[in-house]
Amino acid sequence: MKIDKERRLFLKKALSIGGGVCASAFTGGHIMNSFPIIWAGGYGTFDPSTVIIARDDNVCDTTGMVKERQVSSLLHKAVMQLTNASSQEKAWQSLFKPNDVVGIKLNCLSGKTMSPHIAVVEAIIQGLKMAGIREKQIIVFERFNRELETAGFRVRRMTDGIQCFGTDELPGGGYEAEPALAGSVGTCFSKIVSRLCTAIVNVPVLKDHDLAGISVAMKNFFGVIHNPNKYHGNNCNPFIAELNTHPYLADKVRLIVCDALLAQYHGGPGYKPQWTWKFNGIIVGRDPVALDRICHTIIEEKRKEVKLPSLKQAHREPAYISTAAMLGLGTDEPSKIKVVQL
């Protein structure tokens, strides 16, 4: 497929999907027993805690390569459904304004195979452009340049085009000199979220975490503070929840796009191929609590399917999700979360 100018900003070479993403995906329907389920057939009125699950088992070609058009279609349909918009353009325009500087926060800790796919990031950039945002107002970022490069992204800064760099690219290490407080969390934030961005798209991966239980939307922001190692006790609770109350995050995150093309149900956060499966989807929402709760449920159902103990039985239940709900960051009550499947 011909690679256009926009994709050249990111691709070093074609990003292959280790192990292939096109095998049959998660087929269990147990999640529907716990949460209100809607099969999308039009645009209705949805609760702010609606979570969209967009899946396509043909998202890859016969060689295992992600089909960019398929990924783009999944994302734009999901955002339209989420925002109750009649067109792709109106959907993205309802979330972002032309004067926004948008940071796209990736999760590249687990290397190339379990990081957000380039095709997903490109689809997000397409949407931002529909909202009237210029390329130079888009920053794709992570903690370190090397994490981005390992995941297949090309670091570039100080350009008229899309920027892509780690916090460590900024002068002085990239973090604020003075710590800020978020509940019991005292930390120096990345200047990317404190100074450069007016809006954030949170782009986690659907995966297990050996302490927190799962690492999805809220846990992804341990990647914007200078001392995440301090806050892994007690299964990261209440620290993940409290961190996400800070205005740099709570007031700036406009959209969550969880890359669930390939998911991991055990052994995380590092990539463990023996515990991955092909979900072939994207999970989209605006409520980080609702989205993490749905992702928790999906992982639990997969663990049950392969006869692994529940996360609670494994002594790493993601209790931070309920804590976040109590702090007002969203809802984790099943009757108030609507799951829309595309």
Foldseek 3Di string as FASTA:
>chain_A
DDDDPVLVQWFPDQQAAPPAQQDDFDDDPVLVVQFAEAADDAADDADQQEKEKEFDSPQADPVRGGDLVVLLVRVLVRLCNQQSHPGSLVSLLVQDAQPFQEEEQWDLPQFQNQTFASSNVVSVVVSNVSNNHAQLSYEYEWAAQVSSVRNRTDADDPDSGHGYGHCCVDPPRQWDPAWDDQPPDTFTFGCCLVPRGQAYEYEYELEAAPQLGTCFRLNSRCRGTDCSVVQRPPSSPQPSLSVCVDCSRLVHYRKYKYDYQKYFLDDDDHDDPVRITGNRIIMMHRQPLSSVLSSLVVSQVVCVVVVHDRCVVVVNHNCNSVVNVVVVSHDNRNHRYYYYYD
